[in-house]
PDB file of N, CA and C in Angstrom:
ATOM      1  N   UNK A   1       0.835  -1.169   0.000  1.00  0.00           N
ATOM      2  CA  UNK A   1       0.000   0.000   0.000  1.00  0.00           C
ATOM      3  C   UNK A   1       0.887   1.242   0.000  1.00  0.00           C
ATOM      4  N   UNK A   2       0.641   2.202  -0.901  1.00  0.00           N
ATOM      5  CA  UNK A   2       1.478   3.401  -0.939  1.00  0.00           C
ATOM      6  C   UNK A   2       1.236   4.289   0.284  1.00  0.00           C
ATOM      7  N   UNK A   3       2.299   4.961   0.721  1.00  0.00           N
ATOM      8  CA  UNK A   3       2.215   5.859   1.869  1.00  0.00           C
ATOM      9  C   UNK A   3       1.471   7.129   1.488  1.00  0.00           C
ATOM     10  N   UNK A   4       0.544   7.556   2.344  1.00  0.00           N
ATOM     11  CA  UNK A   4      -0.186   8.791   2.084  1.00  0.00           C
ATOM     12  C   UNK A   4       0.732   9.985   2.323  1.00  0.00           C
ATOM     13  N   UNK A   5       0.591  11.000   1.493  1.00  0.00           N
ATOM     14  CA  UNK A   5       1.388  12.199   1.735  1.00  0.00           C
ATOM     15  C   UNK A   5       0.715  13.066   2.800  1.00  0.00           C
ATOM     16  N   UNK A   6       1.472  14.004   3.340  1.00  0.00           N
ATOM     17  CA  UNK A   6       0.982  14.845   4.434  1.00  0.00           C
ATOM     18  C   UNK A   6      -0.291  15.584   4.062  1.00  0.00           C
ATOM     19  N   UNK A   7      -0.370  16.127   2.867  1.00  0.00           N
ATOM     20  CA  UNK A   7      -1.547  16.907   2.482  1.00  0.00           C
ATOM     21  C   UNK A   7      -2.806  16.047   2.427  1.00  0.00           C
ATOM     22  N   UNK A   8      -2.678  14.796   2.019  1.00  0.00           N
ATOM     23  CA  UNK A   8      -3.829  13.890   1.988  1.00  0.00           C
ATOM     24  C   UNK A   8      -4.307  13.595   3.405  1.00  0.00           C
ATOM     25  N   UNK A   9      -3.364  13.353   4.301  1.00  0.00           N
ATOM     26  CA  UNK A   9      -3.711  13.082   5.690  1.00  0.00           C
ATOM     27  C   UNK A   9      -4.365  14.304   6.330  1.00  0.00           C
ATOM     28  N   UNK A  10      -3.801  15.480   6.085  1.00  0.00           N
ATOM     29  CA  UNK A  10      -4.361  16.715   6.640  1.00  0.00           C
ATOM     30  C   UNK A  10      -5.770  16.945   6.118  1.00  0.00           C
ATOM     31  N   UNK A  11      -5.999  16.682   4.858  1.00  0.00           N
ATOM     32  CA  UNK A  11      -7.340  16.842   4.284  1.00  0.00           C
ATOM     33  C   UNK A  11      -8.335  15.893   4.950  1.00  0.00           C
ATOM     34  N   UNK A  12      -7.931  14.659   5.205  1.00  0.00           N
ATOM     35  CA  UNK A  12      -8.810  13.701   5.888  1.00  0.00           C
ATOM     36  C   UNK A  12      -9.133  14.177   7.300  1.00  0.00           C
ATOM     37  N   UNK A  13      -8.123  14.682   8.000  1.00  0.00           N
ATOM     38  CA  UNK A  13      -8.338  15.208   9.347  1.00  0.00           C
ATOM     39  C   UNK A  13      -9.316  16.379   9.297  1.00  0.00           C
ATOM     40  N   UNK A  14      -9.162  17.258   8.322  1.00  0.00           N
ATOM     41  CA  UNK A  14     -10.045  18.416   8.164  1.00  0.00           C
ATOM     42  C   UNK A  14     -11.492  17.971   7.994  1.00  0.00           C
ATOM     43  N   UNK A  15     -11.719  16.983   7.158  1.00  0.00           N
ATOM     44  CA  UNK A  15     -13.072  16.479   6.913  1.00  0.00           C
ATOM     45  C   UNK A  15     -13.672  15.867   8.184  1.00  0.00           C
ATOM     46  N   UNK A  16     -12.880  15.096   8.901  1.00  0.00           N
ATOM     47  CA  UNK A  16     -13.363  14.463  10.130  1.00  0.00           C
ATOM     48  C   UNK A  16     -13.671  15.517  11.185  1.00  0.00           C
ATOM     49  N   UNK A  17     -12.788  16.504  11.334  1.00  0.00           N
ATOM     50  CA  UNK A  17     -13.008  17.558  12.331  1.00  0.00           C
ATOM     51  C   UNK A  17     -14.245  18.379  11.998  1.00  0.00           C
ATOM     52  N   UNK A  18     -14.495  18.641  10.718  1.00  0.00           N
ATOM     53  CA  UNK A  18     -15.687  19.399  10.328  1.00  0.00           C
ATOM     54  C   UNK A  18     -16.947  18.648  10.755  1.00  0.00           C
ATOM     55  N   UNK A  19     -16.982  17.358  10.519  1.00  0.00           N
ATOM     56  CA  UNK A  19     -18.129  16.540  10.908  1.00  0.00           C
ATOM     57  C   UNK A  19     -18.264  16.525  12.431  1.00  0.00           C
ATOM     58  N   UNK A  20     -17.158  16.334  13.128  1.00  0.00           N
ATOM     59  CA  UNK A  20     -17.186  16.292  14.578  1.00  0.00           C
ATOM     60  C   UNK A  20     -17.625  17.635  15.160  1.00  0.00           C
ATOM     61  N   UNK A  21     -17.198  18.733  14.566  1.00  0.00           N
ATOM     62  CA  UNK A  21     -17.608  20.054  15.043  1.00  0.00           C
ATOM     63  C   UNK A  21     -19.112  20.251  14.899  1.00  0.00           C
ATOM     64  N   UNK A  22     -19.700  19.758  13.816  1.00  0.00           N
ATOM     65  CA  UNK A  22     -21.155  19.846  13.642  1.00  0.00           C
ATOM     66  C   UNK A  22     -21.857  19.057  14.742  1.00  0.00           C
ATOM     67  N   UNK A  23     -21.350  17.860  15.035  1.00  0.00           N
ATOM     68  CA  UNK A  23     -21.937  17.046  16.095  1.00  0.00           C
ATOM     69  C   UNK A  23     -21.804  17.729  17.453  1.00  0.00           C
ATOM     70  N   UNK A  24     -20.643  18.294  17.711  1.00  0.00           N
ATOM     71  CA  UNK A  24     -20.388  18.973  18.976  1.00  0.00           C
ATOM     72  C   UNK A  24     -21.345  20.149  19.141  1.00  0.00           C
ATOM     73  N   UNK A  25     -21.554  20.907  18.073  1.00  0.00           N
ATOM     74  CA  UNK A  25     -22.456  22.058  18.139  1.00  0.00           C
ATOM     75  C   UNK A  25     -23.907  21.616  18.352  1.00  0.00           C
ATOM     76  N   UNK A  26     -24.298  20.486  17.788  1.00  0.00           N
ATOM     77  CA  UNK A  26     -25.653  19.979  18.000  1.00  0.00           C
ATOM     78  C   UNK A  26     -25.863  19.643  19.480  1.00  0.00           C
ATOM     79  N   UNK A  27     -24.872  19.018  20.093  1.00  0.00           N
ATOM     80  CA  UNK A  27     -24.968  18.705  21.522  1.00  0.00           C
ATOM     81  C   UNK A  27     -25.022  19.989  22.342  1.00  0.00           C
ATOM     82  N   UNK A  28     -24.219  20.969  21.975  1.00  0.00           N
ATOM     83  CA  UNK A  28     -24.184  22.242  22.683  1.00  0.00           C
ATOM     84  C   UNK A  28     -25.549  22.925  22.643  1.00  0.00           C
ATOM     85  N   UNK A  29     -26.190  22.932  21.468  1.00  0.00           N
ATOM     86  CA  UNK A  29     -27.522  23.533  21.334  1.00  0.00           C
ATOM     87  C   UNK A  29     -28.540  22.823  22.220  1.00  0.00           C
ATOM     88  N   UNK A  30     -28.500  21.497  22.236  1.00  0.00           N
ATOM     89  CA  UNK A  30     -29.413  20.739  23.092  1.00  0.00           C
ATOM     90  C   UNK A  30     -29.182  21.054  24.567  1.00  0.00           C
ATOM     91  N   UNK A  31     -27.915  21.112  24.958  1.00  0.00           N
ATOM     92  CA  UNK A  31     -27.591  21.383  26.356  1.00  0.00           C
ATOM     93  C   UNK A  31     -28.139  22.733  26.796  1.00  0.00           C
ATOM     94  N   UNK A  32     -27.945  23.750  25.991  1.00  0.00           N
ATOM     95  CA  UNK A  32     -28.418  25.082  26.371  1.00  0.00           C
ATOM     96  C   UNK A  32     -29.933  25.201  26.276  1.00  0.00           C
ATOM     97  N   UNK A  33     -30.558  24.392  25.455  1.00  0.00           N
ATOM     98  CA  UNK A  33     -32.021  24.412  25.350  1.00  0.00           C
ATOM     99  C   UNK A  33     -32.670  23.745  26.560  1.00  0.00           C
ATOM    100  N   UNK A  34     -32.133  22.593  26.974  1.00  0.00           N
ATOM    101  CA  UNK A  34     -32.785  21.796  28.008  1.00  0.00           C
ATOM    102  C   UNK A  34     -32.162  21.913  29.401  1.00  0.00           C
ATOM    103  N   UNK A  35     -30.937  22.373  29.487  1.00  0.00           N
ATOM    104  CA  UNK A  35     -30.283  22.519  30.795  1.00  0.00           C
ATOM    105  C   UNK A  35     -29.291  23.679  30.740  1.00  0.00           C
ATOM    106  N   UNK A  36     -29.795  24.897  30.566  1.00  0.00           N
ATOM    107  CA  UNK A  36     -28.885  26.035  30.354  1.00  0.00           C
ATOM    108  C   UNK A  36     -27.937  26.324  31.511  1.00  0.00           C
ATOM    109  N   UNK A  37     -28.402  26.166  32.752  1.00  0.00           N
ATOM    110  CA  UNK A  37     -27.506  26.453  33.884  1.00  0.00           C
ATOM    111  C   UNK A  37     -26.361  25.446  33.946  1.00  0.00           C
ATOM    112  N   UNK A  38     -26.698  24.184  33.774  1.00  0.00           N
ATOM    113  CA  UNK A  38     -25.674  23.146  33.785  1.00  0.00           C
ATOM    114  C   UNK A  38     -24.727  23.294  32.604  1.00  0.00           C
ATOM    115  N   UNK A  39     -25.293  23.631  31.438  1.00  0.00           N
ATOM    116  CA  UNK A  39     -24.482  23.809  30.235  1.00  0.00           C
ATOM    117  C   UNK A  39     -23.499  24.961  30.405  1.00  0.00           C
ATOM    118  N   UNK A  40     -23.944  26.023  31.064  1.00  0.00           N
ATOM    119  CA  UNK A  40     -23.069  27.170  31.301  1.00  0.00           C
ATOM    120  C   UNK A  40     -21.886  26.771  32.174  1.00  0.00           C
ATOM    121  N   UNK A  41     -22.145  25.991  33.218  1.00  0.00           N
ATOM    122  CA  UNK A  41     -21.059  25.539  34.093  1.00  0.00           C
ATOM    123  C   UNK A  41     -20.052  24.682  33.318  1.00  0.00           C
ATOM    124  N   UNK A  42     -20.573  23.791  32.500  1.00  0.00           N
ATOM    125  CA  UNK A  42     -19.694  22.928  31.711  1.00  0.00           C
ATOM    126  C   UNK A  42     -18.878  23.751  30.722  1.00  0.00           C
ATOM    127  N   UNK A  43     -19.510  24.719  30.069  1.00  0.00           N
ATOM    128  CA  UNK A  43     -18.786  25.565  29.109  1.00  0.00           C
ATOM    129  C   UNK A  43     -17.686  26.362  29.804  1.00  0.00           C
ATOM    130  N   UNK A  44     -17.942  26.823  31.019  1.00  0.00           N
ATOM    131  CA  UNK A  44     -16.898  27.528  31.774  1.00  0.00           C
ATOM    132  C   UNK A  44     -15.716  26.613  32.055  1.00  0.00           C
ATOM    133  N   UNK A  45     -16.006  25.348  32.392  1.00  0.00           N
ATOM    134  CA  UNK A  45     -14.928  24.383  32.616  1.00  0.00           C
ATOM    135  C   UNK A  45     -14.142  24.132  31.331  1.00  0.00           C
ATOM    136  N   UNK A  46     -14.856  23.991  30.231  1.00  0.00           N
ATOM    137  CA  UNK A  46     -14.210  23.762  28.938  1.00  0.00           C
ATOM    138  C   UNK A  46     -13.315  24.951  28.576  1.00  0.00           C
ATOM    139  N   UNK A  47     -13.822  26.157  28.789  1.00  0.00           N
ATOM    140  CA  UNK A  47     -13.058  27.360  28.482  1.00  0.00           C
ATOM    141  C   UNK A  47     -11.779  27.416  29.312  1.00  0.00           C
ATOM    142  N   UNK A  48     -11.881  27.041  30.581  1.00  0.00           N
ATOM    143  CA  UNK A  48     -10.691  27.015  31.438  1.00  0.00           C
ATOM    144  C   UNK A  48      -9.657  26.015  30.949  1.00  0.00           C
ATOM    145  N   UNK A  49     -10.122  24.842  30.558  1.00  0.00           N
ATOM    146  CA  UNK A  49      -9.199  23.828  30.026  1.00  0.00           C
ATOM    147  C   UNK A  49      -8.565  24.307  28.726  1.00  0.00           C
ATOM    148  N   UNK A  50      -9.367  24.942  27.877  1.00  0.00           N
ATOM    149  CA  UNK A  50      -8.831  25.470  26.621  1.00  0.00           C
ATOM    150  C   UNK A  50      -7.737  26.500  26.877  1.00  0.00           C
ATOM    151  N   UNK A  51      -7.945  27.332  27.889  1.00  0.00           N
ATOM    152  CA  UNK A  51      -6.933  28.344  28.217  1.00  0.00           C
ATOM    153  C   UNK A  51      -5.624  27.679  28.650  1.00  0.00           C
ATOM    154  N   UNK A  52      -5.733  26.618  29.448  1.00  0.00           N
ATOM    155  CA  UNK A  52      -4.528  25.890  29.861  1.00  0.00           C
ATOM    156  C   UNK A  52      -3.814  25.274  28.656  1.00  0.00           C
ATOM    157  N   UNK A  53      -4.597  24.691  27.756  1.00  0.00           N
ATOM    158  CA  UNK A  53      -4.019  24.085  26.554  1.00  0.00           C
ATOM    159  C   UNK A  53      -3.341  25.147  25.700  1.00  0.00           C
ATOM    160  N   UNK A  54      -3.973  26.302  25.567  1.00  0.00           N
ATOM    161  CA  UNK A  54      -3.383  27.389  24.771  1.00  0.00           C
ATOM    162  C   UNK A  54      -2.048  27.838  25.357  1.00  0.00           C
ATOM    163  N   UNK A  55      -1.972  27.931  26.680  1.00  0.00           N
ATOM    164  CA  UNK A  55      -0.715  28.336  27.316  1.00  0.00           C
ATOM    165  C   UNK A  55       0.380  27.298  27.053  1.00  0.00           C
ATOM    166  N   UNK A  56       0.034  26.024  27.149  1.00  0.00           N
ATOM    167  CA  UNK A  56       1.013  24.971  26.869  1.00  0.00           C
ATOM    168  C   UNK A  56       1.431  24.976  25.401  1.00  0.00           C
ATOM    169  N   UNK A  57       0.489  25.222  24.512  1.00  0.00           N
ATOM    170  CA  UNK A  57       0.775  25.271  23.090  1.00  0.00           C
ATOM    171  C   UNK A  57       1.755  26.398  22.766  1.00  0.00           C
ATOM    172  N   UNK A  58       1.590  27.536  23.428  1.00  0.00           N
ATOM    173  CA  UNK A  58       2.505  28.651  23.225  1.00  0.00           C
ATOM    174  C   UNK A  58       3.946  28.267  23.568  1.00  0.00           C
ATOM    175  N   UNK A  59       4.105  27.443  24.596  1.00  0.00           N
ATOM    176  CA  UNK A  59       5.444  27.014  24.993  1.00  0.00           C
ATOM    177  C   UNK A  59       6.098  26.174  23.910  1.00  0.00           C
ATOM    178  N   UNK A  60       5.291  25.449  23.121  1.00  0.00           N
ATOM    179  CA  UNK A  60       5.840  24.632  22.046  1.00  0.00           C
ATOM    180  C   UNK A  60       6.493  25.491  20.965  1.00  0.00           C
ATOM    181  N   UNK A  61       5.949  26.671  20.743  1.00  0.00           N
ATOM    182  CA  UNK A  61       6.451  27.527  19.676  1.00  0.00           C
ATOM    183  C   UNK A  61       7.632  28.398  20.056  1.00  0.00           C
ATOM    184  N   UNK A  62       8.027  28.372  21.333  1.00  0.00           N
ATOM    185  CA  UNK A  62       9.122  29.220  21.812  1.00  0.00           C
ATOM    186  C   UNK A  62      10.452  28.596  21.399  1.00  0.00           C
ATOM    187  N   UNK A  63      11.269  29.404  20.723  1.00  0.00           N
ATOM    188  CA  UNK A  63      12.613  28.967  20.312  1.00  0.00           C
ATOM    189  C   UNK A  63      13.578  29.240  21.453  1.00  0.00           C
ATOM    190  N   UNK A  64      14.427  28.271  21.722  1.00  0.00           N
ATOM    191  CA  UNK A  64      15.417  28.433  22.798  1.00  0.00           C
ATOM    192  C   UNK A  64      16.716  28.954  22.251  1.00  0.00           C
TER     193      UNK A  64
END
Protein backbone atom coordinates (compact mmCIF):
# COMPACT_ATOMS: atom_id res chain seq x y z
CA UNK A 1 0.00 0.00 0.00
CA UNK A 2 1.48 3.40 -0.94
CA UNK A 3 2.21 5.86 1.87
CA UNK A 4 -0.19 8.79 2.08
CA UNK A 5 1.39 12.20 1.74
CA UNK A 6 0.98 14.84 4.43
CA UNK A 7 -1.55 16.91 2.48
CA UNK A 8 -3.83 13.89 1.99
CA UNK A 9 -3.71 13.08 5.69
CA UNK A 10 -4.36 16.71 6.64
CA UNK A 11 -7.34 16.84 4.28
CA UNK A 12 -8.81 13.70 5.89
CA UNK A 13 -8.34 15.21 9.35
CA UNK A 14 -10.04 18.42 8.16
CA UNK A 15 -13.07 16.48 6.91
CA UNK A 16 -13.36 14.46 10.13
CA UNK A 17 -13.01 17.56 12.33
CA UNK A 18 -15.69 19.40 10.33
CA UNK A 19 -18.13 16.54 10.91
CA UNK A 20 -17.19 16.29 14.58
CA UNK A 21 -17.61 20.05 15.04
CA UNK A 22 -21.15 19.85 13.64
CA UNK A 23 -21.94 17.05 16.10
CA UNK A 24 -20.39 18.97 18.98
CA UNK A 25 -22.46 22.06 18.14
CA UNK A 26 -25.65 19.98 18.00
CA UNK A 27 -24.97 18.70 21.52
CA UNK A 28 -24.18 22.24 22.68
CA UNK A 29 -27.52 23.53 21.33
CA UNK A 30 -29.41 20.74 23.09
CA UNK A 31 -27.59 21.38 26.36
CA UNK A 32 -28.42 25.08 26.37
CA UNK A 33 -32.02 24.41 25.35
CA UNK A 34 -32.78 21.80 28.01
CA UNK A 35 -30.28 22.52 30.79
CA UNK A 36 -28.88 26.04 30.35
CA UNK A 37 -27.51 26.45 33.88
CA UNK A 38 -25.67 23.15 33.79
CA UNK A 39 -24.48 23.81 30.24
CA UNK A 40 -23.07 27.17 31.30
CA UNK A 41 -21.06 25.54 34.09
CA UNK A 42 -19.69 22.93 31.71
CA UNK A 43 -18.79 25.56 29.11
CA UNK A 44 -16.90 27.53 31.77
CA UNK A 45 -14.93 24.38 32.62
CA UNK A 46 -14.21 23.76 28.94
CA UNK A 47 -13.06 27.36 28.48
CA UNK A 48 -10.69 27.01 31.44
CA UNK A 49 -9.20 23.83 30.03
CA UNK A 50 -8.83 25.47 26.62
CA UNK A 51 -6.93 28.34 28.22
CA UNK A 52 -4.53 25.89 29.86
CA UNK A 53 -4.02 24.09 26.55
CA UNK A 54 -3.38 27.39 24.77
CA UNK A 55 -0.71 28.34 27.32
CA UNK A 56 1.01 24.97 26.87
CA UNK A 57 0.77 25.27 23.09
CA UNK A 58 2.50 28.65 23.23
CA UNK A 59 5.44 27.01 24.99
CA UNK A 60 5.84 24.63 22.05
CA UNK A 61 6.45 27.53 19.68
CA UNK A 62 9.12 29.22 21.81
CA UNK A 63 12.61 28.97 20.31
CA UNK A 64 15.42 28.43 22.80
